[in-house]
Amino acid sequence: YYQQEASKLRRQIRDIQNLNRHIVGESLGSLNFKELKNLEGRLEKGISRVRSKK
């Protein structure tokens, strides 16, 4: 049981690290068009939230 949980957590950590790299503009070459559009939308939402708080 614990090995499965540890493996699941390692995958989640890896996925989150990859997402963070993509958000800061690293490792974008591995993304397909749909993933790039998704990332663009997420970034635009974040920018609009920041602007609305100013």
PDB file of N, CA and C in Angstrom:
ATOM      1  N   TYR A   1       0.822  -1.210   0.000  1.00  0.00           N
ATOM      2  CA  TYR A   1       0.000   0.000   0.000  1.00  0.00           C
ATOM      3  C   TYR A   1       0.858   1.263   0.000  1.00  0.00           C
ATOM      4  N   TYR A   2       1.856   1.298   0.891  1.00  0.00           N
ATOM      5  CA  TYR A   2       2.689   2.502   1.005  1.00  0.00           C
ATOM      6  C   TYR A   2       3.536   2.723  -0.241  1.00  0.00           C
ATOM      7  N   GLN A   3       3.955   1.633  -0.876  1.00  0.00           N
ATOM      8  CA  GLN A   3       4.730   1.786  -2.110  1.00  0.00           C
ATOM      9  C   GLN A   3       3.869   2.398  -3.211  1.00  0.00           C
ATOM     10  N   GLN A   4       2.614   1.999  -3.281  1.00  0.00           N
ATOM     11  CA  GLN A   4       1.708   2.565  -4.282  1.00  0.00           C
ATOM     12  C   GLN A   4       1.469   4.043  -4.015  1.00  0.00           C
ATOM     13  N   GLU A   5       1.267   4.388  -2.756  1.00  0.00           N
ATOM     14  CA  GLU A   5       1.051   5.791  -2.394  1.00  0.00           C
ATOM     15  C   GLU A   5       2.288   6.630  -2.694  1.00  0.00           C
ATOM     16  N   ALA A   6       3.468   6.087  -2.369  1.00  0.00           N
ATOM     17  CA  ALA A   6       4.714   6.808  -2.632  1.00  0.00           C
ATOM     18  C   ALA A   6       4.898   7.013  -4.129  1.00  0.00           C
ATOM     19  N   SER A   7       4.592   5.996  -4.911  1.00  0.00           N
ATOM     20  CA  SER A   7       4.707   6.103  -6.365  1.00  0.00           C
ATOM     21  C   SER A   7       3.734   7.148  -6.905  1.00  0.00           C
ATOM     22  N   LYS A   8       2.523   7.145  -6.384  1.00  0.00           N
ATOM     23  CA  LYS A   8       1.515   8.124  -6.797  1.00  0.00           C
ATOM     24  C   LYS A   8       1.968   9.539  -6.457  1.00  0.00           C
ATOM     25  N   LEU A   9       2.514   9.727  -5.264  1.00  0.00           N
ATOM     26  CA  LEU A   9       2.992  11.051  -4.852  1.00  0.00           C
ATOM     27  C   LEU A   9       4.173  11.505  -5.703  1.00  0.00           C
ATOM     28  N   ARG A  10       5.078  10.582  -6.052  1.00  0.00           N
ATOM     29  CA  ARG A  10       6.209  10.936  -6.912  1.00  0.00           C
ATOM     30  C   ARG A  10       5.724  11.410  -8.278  1.00  0.00           C
ATOM     31  N   ARG A  11       4.714  10.719  -8.828  1.00  0.00           N
ATOM     32  CA  ARG A  11       4.140  11.132 -10.120  1.00  0.00           C
ATOM     33  C   ARG A  11       3.516  12.515 -10.013  1.00  0.00           C
ATOM     34  N   GLN A  12       2.793  12.762  -8.926  1.00  0.00           N
ATOM     35  CA  GLN A  12       2.167  14.071  -8.742  1.00  0.00           C
ATOM     36  C   GLN A  12       3.220  15.165  -8.627  1.00  0.00           C
ATOM     37  N   ILE A  13       4.285  14.905  -7.893  1.00  0.00           N
ATOM     38  CA  ILE A  13       5.371  15.881  -7.750  1.00  0.00           C
ATOM     39  C   ILE A  13       5.997  16.163  -9.107  1.00  0.00           C
ATOM     40  N   ARG A  14       6.263  15.106  -9.881  1.00  0.00           N
ATOM     41  CA  ARG A  14       6.857  15.284 -11.212  1.00  0.00           C
ATOM     42  C   ARG A  14       5.941  16.107 -12.112  1.00  0.00           C
ATOM     43  N   ASP A  15       4.647  15.807 -12.084  1.00  0.00           N
ATOM     44  CA  ASP A  15       3.691  16.542 -12.919  1.00  0.00           C
ATOM     45  C   ASP A  15       3.617  18.015 -12.525  1.00  0.00           C
ATOM     46  N   ILE A  16       3.620  18.290 -11.226  1.00  0.00           N
ATOM     47  CA  ILE A  16       3.568  19.678 -10.750  1.00  0.00           C
ATOM     48  C   ILE A  16       4.851  20.416 -11.115  1.00  0.00           C
ATOM     49  N   GLN A  17       5.993  19.739 -10.998  1.00  0.00           N
ATOM     50  CA  GLN A  17       7.257  20.374 -11.385  1.00  0.00           C
ATOM     51  C   GLN A  17       7.258  20.700 -12.874  1.00  0.00           C
ATOM     52  N   ASN A  18       6.748  19.789 -13.696  1.00  0.00           N
ATOM     53  CA  ASN A  18       6.664  20.054 -15.140  1.00  0.00           C
ATOM     54  C   ASN A  18       5.746  21.230 -15.425  1.00  0.00           C
ATOM     55  N   LEU A  19       4.616  21.277 -14.744  1.00  0.00           N
ATOM     56  CA  LEU A  19       3.687  22.389 -14.931  1.00  0.00           C
ATOM     57  C   LEU A  19       4.347  23.713 -14.551  1.00  0.00           C
ATOM     58  N   ASN A  20       5.067  23.724 -13.443  1.00  0.00           N
ATOM     59  CA  ASN A  20       5.765  24.943 -13.025  1.00  0.00           C
ATOM     60  C   ASN A  20       6.795  25.372 -14.063  1.00  0.00           C
ATOM     61  N   ARG A  21       7.527  24.404 -14.630  1.00  0.00           N
ATOM     62  CA  ARG A  21       8.505  24.734 -15.671  1.00  0.00           C
ATOM     63  C   ARG A  21       7.809  25.371 -16.868  1.00  0.00           C
ATOM     64  N   HIS A  22       6.684  24.809 -17.246  1.00  0.00           N
ATOM     65  CA  HIS A  22       5.947  25.351 -18.391  1.00  0.00           C
ATOM     66  C   HIS A  22       5.450  26.760 -18.102  1.00  0.00           C
ATOM     67  N   ILE A  23       4.976  26.994 -16.896  1.00  0.00           N
ATOM     68  CA  ILE A  23       4.451  28.318 -16.546  1.00  0.00           C
ATOM     69  C   ILE A  23       5.541  29.380 -16.624  1.00  0.00           C
ATOM     70  N   VAL A  24       6.770  29.031 -16.257  1.00  0.00           N
ATOM     71  CA  VAL A  24       7.854  30.019 -16.320  1.00  0.00           C
ATOM     72  C   VAL A  24       8.547  30.020 -17.684  1.00  0.00           C
ATOM     73  N   GLY A  25       8.002  29.251 -18.640  1.00  0.00           N
ATOM     74  CA  GLY A  25       8.520  29.301 -20.000  1.00  0.00           C
ATOM     75  C   GLY A  25       9.611  28.303 -20.315  1.00  0.00           C
ATOM     76  N   GLU A  26       9.830  27.329 -19.455  1.00  0.00           N
ATOM     77  CA  GLU A  26      10.847  26.308 -19.714  1.00  0.00           C
ATOM     78  C   GLU A  26      10.183  25.046 -20.263  1.00  0.00           C
ATOM     79  N   SER A  27      10.924  24.280 -21.032  1.00  0.00           N
ATOM     80  CA  SER A  27      10.474  22.974 -21.546  1.00  0.00           C
ATOM     81  C   SER A  27       9.172  23.057 -22.337  1.00  0.00           C
ATOM     82  N   LEU A  28       8.984  24.128 -23.070  1.00  0.00           N
ATOM     83  CA  LEU A  28       7.749  24.276 -23.841  1.00  0.00           C
ATOM     84  C   LEU A  28       7.758  23.432 -25.112  1.00  0.00           C
ATOM     85  N   GLY A  29       8.936  23.024 -25.548  1.00  0.00           N
ATOM     86  CA  GLY A  29       9.041  22.235 -26.770  1.00  0.00           C
ATOM     87  C   GLY A  29       8.347  20.892 -26.696  1.00  0.00           C
ATOM     88  N   SER A  30       8.131  20.393 -25.493  1.00  0.00           N
ATOM     89  CA  SER A  30       7.485  19.087 -25.346  1.00  0.00           C
ATOM     90  C   SER A  30       5.962  19.177 -25.378  1.00  0.00           C
ATOM     91  N   LEU A  31       5.417  20.390 -25.432  1.00  0.00           N
ATOM     92  CA  LEU A  31       3.961  20.560 -25.414  1.00  0.00           C
ATOM     93  C   LEU A  31       3.389  20.544 -26.825  1.00  0.00           C
ATOM     94  N   ASN A  32       2.212  19.938 -26.966  1.00  0.00           N
ATOM     95  CA  ASN A  32       1.531  19.996 -28.259  1.00  0.00           C
ATOM     96  C   ASN A  32       0.679  21.268 -28.307  1.00  0.00           C
ATOM     97  N   PHE A  33       0.023  21.489 -29.438  1.00  0.00           N
ATOM     98  CA  PHE A  33      -0.726  22.735 -29.634  1.00  0.00           C
ATOM     99  C   PHE A  33      -1.817  22.911 -28.585  1.00  0.00           C
ATOM    100  N   LYS A  34      -2.563  21.847 -28.322  1.00  0.00           N
ATOM    101  CA  LYS A  34      -3.661  21.923 -27.349  1.00  0.00           C
ATOM    102  C   LYS A  34      -3.129  22.281 -25.958  1.00  0.00           C
ATOM    103  N   GLU A  35      -2.017  21.681 -25.569  1.00  0.00           N
ATOM    104  CA  GLU A  35      -1.423  21.972 -24.261  1.00  0.00           C
ATOM    105  C   GLU A  35      -0.922  23.412 -24.190  1.00  0.00           C
ATOM    106  N   LEU A  36      -0.358  23.898 -25.297  1.00  0.00           N
ATOM    107  CA  LEU A  36       0.091  25.292 -25.331  1.00  0.00           C
ATOM    108  C   LEU A  36      -1.082  26.257 -25.199  1.00  0.00           C
ATOM    109  N   LYS A  37      -2.180  25.963 -25.882  1.00  0.00           N
ATOM    110  CA  LYS A  37      -3.368  26.815 -25.773  1.00  0.00           C
ATOM    111  C   LYS A  37      -3.929  26.787 -24.352  1.00  0.00           C
ATOM    112  N   ASN A  38      -3.917  25.629 -23.731  1.00  0.00           N
ATOM    113  CA  ASN A  38      -4.379  25.497 -22.354  1.00  0.00           C
ATOM    114  C   ASN A  38      -3.505  26.334 -21.426  1.00  0.00           C
ATOM    115  N   LEU A  39      -2.191  26.241 -21.602  1.00  0.00           N
ATOM    116  CA  LEU A  39      -1.257  27.020 -20.793  1.00  0.00           C
ATOM    117  C   LEU A  39      -1.474  28.512 -21.016  1.00  0.00           C
ATOM    118  N   GLU A  40      -1.666  28.900 -22.262  1.00  0.00           N
ATOM    119  CA  GLU A  40      -1.918  30.304 -22.579  1.00  0.00           C
ATOM    120  C   GLU A  40      -3.162  30.810 -21.848  1.00  0.00           C
ATOM    121  N   GLY A  41      -4.215  30.020 -21.866  1.00  0.00           N
ATOM    122  CA  GLY A  41      -5.443  30.408 -21.174  1.00  0.00           C
ATOM    123  C   GLY A  41      -5.236  30.554 -19.678  1.00  0.00           C
ATOM    124  N   ARG A  42      -4.494  29.632 -19.096  1.00  0.00           N
ATOM    125  CA  ARG A  42      -4.227  29.706 -17.652  1.00  0.00           C
ATOM    126  C   ARG A  42      -3.408  30.946 -17.309  1.00  0.00           C
ATOM    127  N   LEU A  43      -2.429  31.246 -18.148  1.00  0.00           N
ATOM    128  CA  LEU A  43      -1.610  32.436 -17.906  1.00  0.00           C
ATOM    129  C   LEU A  43      -2.436  33.712 -18.046  1.00  0.00           C
ATOM    130  N   GLU A  44      -3.303  33.757 -19.048  1.00  0.00           N
ATOM    131  CA  GLU A  44      -4.152  34.939 -19.233  1.00  0.00           C
ATOM    132  C   GLU A  44      -5.097  35.129 -18.053  1.00  0.00           C
ATOM    133  N   LYS A  45      -5.652  34.041 -17.532  1.00  0.00           N
ATOM    134  CA  LYS A  45      -6.512  34.137 -16.346  1.00  0.00           C
ATOM    135  C   LYS A  45      -5.723  34.680 -15.158  1.00  0.00           C
ATOM    136  N   GLY A  46      -4.505  34.186 -14.987  1.00  0.00           N
ATOM    137  CA  GLY A  46      -3.668  34.658 -13.889  1.00  0.00           C
ATOM    138  C   GLY A  46      -3.341  36.131 -14.013  1.00  0.00           C
ATOM    139  N   ILE A  47      -3.026  36.558 -15.220  1.00  0.00           N
ATOM    140  CA  ILE A  47      -2.713  37.971 -15.456  1.00  0.00           C
ATOM    141  C   ILE A  47      -3.922  38.841 -15.147  1.00  0.00           C
ATOM    142  N   SER A  48      -5.096  38.398 -15.586  1.00  0.00           N
ATOM    143  CA  SER A  48      -6.289  39.216 -15.331  1.00  0.00           C
ATOM    144  C   SER A  48      -6.597  39.284 -13.838  1.00  0.00           C
ATOM    145  N   ARG A  49      -6.329  38.206 -13.098  1.00  0.00           N
ATOM    146  CA  ARG A  49      -6.536  38.248 -11.644  1.00  0.00           C
ATOM    147  C   ARG A  49      -5.587  39.235 -10.986  1.00  0.00           C
ATOM    148  N   VAL A  50      -4.342  39.240 -11.433  1.00  0.00           N
ATOM    149  CA  VAL A  50      -3.361  40.176 -10.876  1.00  0.00           C
ATOM    150  C   VAL A  50      -3.775  41.606 -11.178  1.00  0.00           C
ATOM    151  N   ARG A  51      -4.177  41.858 -12.412  1.00  0.00           N
ATOM    152  CA  ARG A  51      -4.578  43.215 -12.801  1.00  0.00           C
ATOM    153  C   ARG A  51      -5.813  43.683 -12.042  1.00  0.00           C
ATOM    154  N   SER A  52      -6.733  42.783 -11.773  1.00  0.00           N
ATOM    155  CA  SER A  52      -7.957  43.181 -11.072  1.00  0.00           C
ATOM    156  C   SER A  52      -7.691  43.517  -9.607  1.00  0.00           C
ATOM    157  N   LYS A  53      -6.603  43.011  -9.056  1.00  0.00           N
ATOM    158  CA  LYS A  53      -6.269  43.294  -7.656  1.00  0.00           C
ATOM    159  C   LYS A  53      -5.507  44.591  -7.492  1.00  0.00           C
ATOM    160  N   LYS A  54      -5.002  45.147  -8.583  1.00  0.00           N
ATOM    161  CA  LYS A  54      -4.230  46.398  -8.499  1.00  0.00           C
ATOM    162  C   LYS A  54      -5.139  47.590  -8.395  1.00  0.00           C
TER     163      LYS A  54
END
